[in-house]
Protein backbone atom coordinates (compact mmCIF):
# COMPACT_ATOMS: atom_id res chain seq x y z
CA MET A 1 13.73 -5.13 14.00
CA THR A 2 11.21 -6.85 16.10
CA ALA A 3 7.20 -6.45 15.04
CA ALA A 4 5.96 -2.98 16.28
CA THR A 5 3.13 -2.77 18.72
CA VAL A 6 0.08 -1.11 17.35
CA TRP A 7 -0.64 2.28 19.60
CA SER A 8 -2.91 2.01 22.31
CA ALA A 9 -4.59 4.72 25.13
CA GLY A 10 -3.06 3.94 28.56
CA ALA A 11 -0.58 1.77 27.83
CA THR A 12 2.34 1.12 29.71
CA LEU A 13 5.80 1.22 27.14
CA SER A 14 9.15 0.35 28.07
CA ALA A 15 12.24 1.98 26.42
CA ASN A 16 13.36 0.13 23.01
CA THR A 17 9.66 -0.79 22.30
CA VAL A 18 8.49 0.06 18.55
CA ILE A 19 5.08 1.75 17.94
CA ALA A 20 2.65 1.84 14.89
CA SER A 21 0.36 4.43 14.27
CA THR A 22 -3.22 2.83 14.11
CA THR A 23 -3.90 3.93 10.80
CA GLY A 24 -1.36 1.20 9.19
CA ALA A 25 1.37 0.71 7.68
CA ASN A 26 2.75 4.15 6.39
CA GLY A 27 6.43 3.45 6.02
CA MET A 28 7.29 5.39 9.45
CA PHE A 29 7.55 3.91 12.76
CA PHE A 30 8.46 4.89 16.65
CA ARG A 31 10.74 3.64 18.88
CA VAL A 32 10.17 4.59 22.66
CA THR A 33 12.88 6.26 24.05
CA GLN A 34 11.25 7.17 27.05
CA SER A 35 9.32 5.07 29.25
CA GLY A 36 6.12 5.45 31.10
CA THR A 37 2.38 5.64 29.85
CA THR A 38 0.40 7.00 26.40
CA GLY A 39 -1.92 9.60 26.60
CA SER A 40 -5.95 9.25 25.85
CA SER A 41 -5.84 10.38 22.42
CA GLU A 42 -2.91 9.40 19.92
CA PRO A 43 -0.53 11.78 19.16
CA ALA A 44 0.25 13.63 15.86
CA TRP A 45 2.79 11.00 14.33
CA SER A 46 5.78 12.86 12.09
CA THR A 47 6.27 12.13 8.44
CA ASP A 48 10.22 12.65 8.85
CA VAL A 49 12.93 11.04 10.59
CA GLY A 50 14.72 11.57 13.73
CA VAL A 51 11.73 13.85 15.06
CA THR A 52 10.55 13.17 19.01
CA ILE A 53 7.21 12.98 19.16
CA TYR A 54 5.58 13.45 22.72
CA ASP A 55 2.80 11.24 24.04
CA ASN A 56 2.22 11.81 27.72
CA ASN A 57 5.02 11.46 29.66
CA VAL A 58 6.58 8.83 26.87
CA ARG A 59 9.00 9.66 24.26
CA TYR A 60 9.50 7.96 20.96
CA ILE A 61 11.50 9.01 17.77
CA SER A 62 10.32 8.46 14.23
CA PHE A 63 12.51 6.07 12.27
CA SER A 64 12.21 4.31 8.77
CA SER A 65 14.11 1.37 8.32
CA THR A 66 13.71 1.72 4.11
CA PHE A 67 14.68 4.83 4.38
CA GLU A 68 18.05 4.08 6.47
CA GLU A 69 18.79 1.35 3.97
CA ILE A 70 18.21 3.37 0.56
CA SER A 71 20.93 6.00 1.77
CA LYS A 72 23.81 3.53 1.74
CA VAL A 73 26.36 3.64 -1.00
CA ASN A 74 24.80 -0.30 -1.91
CA PRO A 75 21.45 -0.42 -0.80
CA SER A 76 19.50 -3.71 -0.94
CA ALA A 77 17.23 -4.27 -4.20
CA ILE A 78 13.84 -2.81 -4.31
CA ILE A 79 11.11 -5.62 -4.32
CA GLU A 80 7.72 -4.97 -5.82
CA LEU A 81 4.33 -6.16 -4.82
CA PHE A 82 1.11 -5.70 -5.96
CA GLU A 83 -2.19 -7.07 -4.08
CA LEU A 84 -5.79 -7.31 -6.31
CA HIS A 85 -8.50 -6.85 -3.90
CA LEU A 86 -12.09 -7.96 -5.35
CA VAL A 87 -15.64 -6.59 -3.47
CA THR A 88 -18.29 -8.93 -3.27
CA ALA A 89 -21.22 -6.83 -4.17
CA ILE A 90 -19.93 -5.93 -7.16
CA HIS A 91 -17.59 -8.29 -8.43
CA GLY A 92 -19.29 -11.57 -6.15
CA ALA A 93 -16.01 -12.35 -4.22
CA ASN A 94 -13.69 -10.96 -1.91
CA THR A 95 -10.94 -12.86 -3.21
CA ILE A 96 -7.41 -11.30 -2.88
CA TYR A 97 -4.41 -12.14 -5.86
CA ARG A 98 -1.29 -11.11 -4.84
CA PHE A 99 1.77 -10.84 -7.71
CA HIS A 100 5.67 -9.65 -7.81
CA ASN A 101 7.01 -9.03 -10.85
CA GLY A 102 10.49 -11.03 -9.80
CA SER A 103 12.01 -13.41 -9.18
CA SER A 104 12.76 -15.38 -5.88
CA LEU A 105 14.88 -18.68 -4.57
CA ASN A 106 12.00 -20.89 -4.17
CA ALA A 107 11.00 -23.17 -7.34
CA ASN A 108 7.79 -21.68 -7.68
CA GLY A 109 9.12 -18.11 -7.86
CA GLN A 110 6.79 -16.73 -4.96
CA ILE A 111 7.90 -14.53 -2.57
CA THR A 112 6.24 -14.29 0.55
CA TRP A 113 5.76 -10.92 3.04
CA LYS A 114 4.11 -10.52 6.53
CA GLY A 115 3.37 -14.64 5.79
CA ASN A 116 1.58 -14.14 2.21
CA GLY A 117 2.63 -15.71 -0.57
CA TYR A 118 2.98 -13.50 -3.84
CA TYR A 119 3.53 -15.37 -6.84
CA ARG A 120 5.40 -14.33 -9.38
CA PHE A 121 3.49 -13.58 -12.59
CA PRO A 122 4.44 -10.46 -15.57
CA ILE A 123 3.48 -7.56 -14.94
CA GLU A 124 3.87 -4.43 -16.06
CA ALA A 125 2.90 -1.01 -13.80
CA ASP A 126 3.60 2.66 -14.30
CA GLY A 127 2.60 6.43 -13.98
CA PHE A 128 2.78 6.54 -10.27
CA ALA A 129 4.64 9.48 -10.75
CA TYR A 130 3.14 12.65 -9.67
CA GLN A 131 2.82 15.06 -12.86
CA ARG A 132 2.31 18.88 -12.35
CA GLY A 133 0.23 18.67 -9.37
CA GLN A 134 -2.06 16.14 -11.08
CA LEU A 135 -2.94 13.02 -9.46
CA PRO A 136 -1.37 9.88 -10.84
CA ARG A 137 -3.48 8.11 -13.02
CA PRO A 138 -1.21 5.03 -13.50
CA THR A 139 -1.47 1.60 -15.68
CA LEU A 140 -1.35 -1.86 -14.67
CA SER A 141 -0.45 -4.66 -17.22
CA ILE A 142 -0.67 -8.47 -16.44
CA SER A 143 -0.21 -11.44 -18.79
CA ASN A 144 -3.06 -13.06 -19.77
CA LEU A 145 -1.10 -16.35 -20.71
CA SER A 146 -0.94 -17.95 -17.76
CA SER A 147 -3.24 -20.20 -16.39
CA THR A 148 -2.54 -19.84 -12.72
CA PRO A 149 -4.41 -17.93 -12.70
CA ASN A 150 -6.23 -16.86 -16.16
CA ILE A 151 -7.18 -13.30 -15.73
CA SER A 152 -9.95 -13.82 -18.51
CA ALA A 153 -11.21 -16.58 -16.98
CA ILE A 154 -11.70 -14.00 -13.68
CA LEU A 155 -13.24 -11.25 -15.54
CA LEU A 156 -15.93 -13.67 -17.12
CA THR A 157 -16.45 -14.83 -13.28
CA VAL A 158 -16.46 -11.05 -12.37
CA ASN A 159 -18.50 -9.92 -15.13
CA ALA A 160 -21.22 -12.95 -14.37
CA THR A 161 -22.11 -11.19 -11.11
CA THR A 162 -21.74 -7.32 -12.62
CA THR A 163 -22.18 -7.72 -16.60
CA GLY A 164 -18.95 -5.69 -18.27
CA ASN A 165 -17.35 -4.79 -15.02
CA ASP A 166 -13.93 -6.43 -15.99
CA LEU A 167 -12.97 -5.51 -12.02
CA THR A 168 -13.65 -1.81 -12.51
CA GLY A 169 -13.73 -0.63 -8.53
CA ALA A 170 -11.47 -3.61 -7.30
CA LYS A 171 -8.46 -2.16 -5.56
CA VAL A 172 -5.01 -2.32 -6.18
CA ILE A 173 -2.16 -1.77 -3.74
CA ARG A 174 1.42 -1.48 -4.78
CA ILE A 175 4.03 -2.53 -2.26
CA ARG A 176 7.72 -1.41 -1.82
CA THR A 177 9.99 -3.06 0.82
CA LEU A 178 13.81 -4.01 0.31
CA ALA A 179 15.42 -7.61 -0.39
CA LYS A 180 16.99 -7.58 2.86
CA PHE A 181 13.69 -7.30 4.60
CA ILE A 182 11.73 -10.07 3.17
CA ASP A 183 10.49 -13.11 5.60
CA ALA A 184 13.18 -15.74 6.28
CA ILE A 185 11.42 -18.27 4.44
CA ASN A 186 12.69 -16.74 0.62
CA PHE A 187 16.08 -17.78 1.46
CA ALA A 188 17.78 -21.32 1.65
CA ASP A 189 18.21 -21.80 4.73
CA ASN A 190 15.42 -20.67 6.08
CA THR A 191 17.46 -18.02 7.81
CA ASN A 192 17.46 -14.25 7.39
CA SER A 193 18.77 -12.02 10.12
CA THR A 194 17.78 -8.93 8.87
CA ALA A 195 14.00 -10.06 7.83
CA ASP A 196 11.77 -7.49 9.43
CA PRO A 197 8.06 -6.81 8.70
CA ASN A 198 7.74 -3.12 9.24
CA ALA A 199 10.07 -1.58 7.09
CA GLU A 200 8.29 -0.90 3.78
CA PHE A 201 7.77 2.30 1.98
CA PRO A 202 3.94 3.89 2.25
CA ARG A 203 1.87 1.98 0.30
CA GLU A 204 -0.23 3.15 -2.56
CA VAL A 205 -3.77 2.13 -2.56
CA TYR A 206 -5.28 2.87 -6.18
CA PHE A 207 -8.83 1.51 -7.82
CA ILE A 208 -9.55 0.27 -11.14
CA ASP A 209 -10.76 2.39 -13.17
CA ARG A 210 -11.38 1.29 -16.64
CA LYS A 211 -10.30 -2.25 -18.54
CA THR A 212 -8.04 -0.49 -21.90
CA THR A 213 -6.68 -3.69 -23.45
CA GLU A 214 -8.11 -7.25 -23.11
CA ASN A 215 -6.85 -10.07 -25.79
CA ARG A 216 -4.53 -13.11 -25.41
CA GLU A 217 -1.54 -12.17 -24.59
CA VAL A 218 -2.17 -9.31 -21.78
CA VAL A 219 -4.84 -7.65 -20.05
CA SER A 220 -4.21 -3.61 -19.34
CA TRP A 221 -6.38 -1.66 -16.79
CA GLU A 222 -6.17 2.21 -15.74
CA LEU A 223 -5.74 2.86 -12.52
CA SER A 224 -6.96 6.03 -10.47
CA ALA A 225 -6.55 7.24 -6.70
CA VAL A 226 -9.88 6.79 -4.28
CA PHE A 227 -10.59 11.01 -5.33
CA ASP A 228 -9.82 10.78 -9.21
CA LEU A 229 -12.90 8.27 -9.90
CA MET A 230 -16.06 9.17 -11.80
CA GLY A 231 -18.35 11.68 -10.00
CA ILE A 232 -16.23 11.58 -7.05
CA ARG A 233 -15.07 15.01 -5.65
CA ALA A 234 -13.11 16.38 -3.15
CA PRO A 235 -14.78 18.27 -1.29
CA LYS A 236 -17.99 16.92 -1.69
CA ARG A 237 -20.09 20.13 -1.84
CA GLN A 238 -18.66 23.09 -3.37
CA CYS A 239 -19.64 26.43 -2.82
CA THR A 240 -20.90 28.75 -5.79
CA ARG A 241 -22.67 31.90 -6.19
CA SER A 242 -25.71 29.85 -7.74
CA LEU A 243 -26.20 28.26 -4.24
CA PHE A 244 -24.78 30.90 -2.08
CA PRO A 245 -25.12 34.49 -3.49
CA ALA A 246 -23.32 36.05 -0.68
CA VAL A 247 -19.75 33.89 -1.81
CA GLY A 248 -17.25 36.53 -3.09
CA THR A 249 -19.05 39.17 -1.69
CA PHE A 250 -17.65 40.04 1.39
CA LYS A 251 -15.53 43.33 2.21
CA GLN A 252 -13.17 44.30 5.19
């Protein structure tokens, strides 16, 4: 599949054009089934496969390459990638570290996804499942034995900006795709007829809440969703009787 075009107002679209929402990659894309001109505001995109979306006189059908592949009897292997995003204000830099815990055909163990290199690195990550309606608090453990990069060295640099930070507040993005969709450069002959930069599962975004372990072998952190960080509530303000005496006293 060719790269998707991000939706825009008043655009003329031809049949079979692939459109992505403006909110970014979420695993769903929309193929034009009836050509026309898009409306003045973005339509309500479906999160289900095979749904028709109406946009002025344009019609789309929602699809997911990953959903279609994993529905097969023998699906392609899942590739799990991680990104660690630093924040200049608290970490002294906006560096992005990209890792994967697996193997590839490249001598250095790098996997290239959407043109970005993810280096092979011993990683253990779990706890992403939702339990009884509670937000997951995954744990991420990274080997501290390698020198490229050495995690403790990164912590020392970060802590020079914010004492005792240990990467707290850094963004961790979990990306999953399938082996058949990764960039052609990953293969010995630089050829992959099924490469698809749009084919990935919905991205999962977390933030480092606290460091739990650091020794010569491994560094571990506990992650949390943005609404689960210390001191953050949703909604921001709660209506209680102490502030609003009429709460709970309405009668029909």
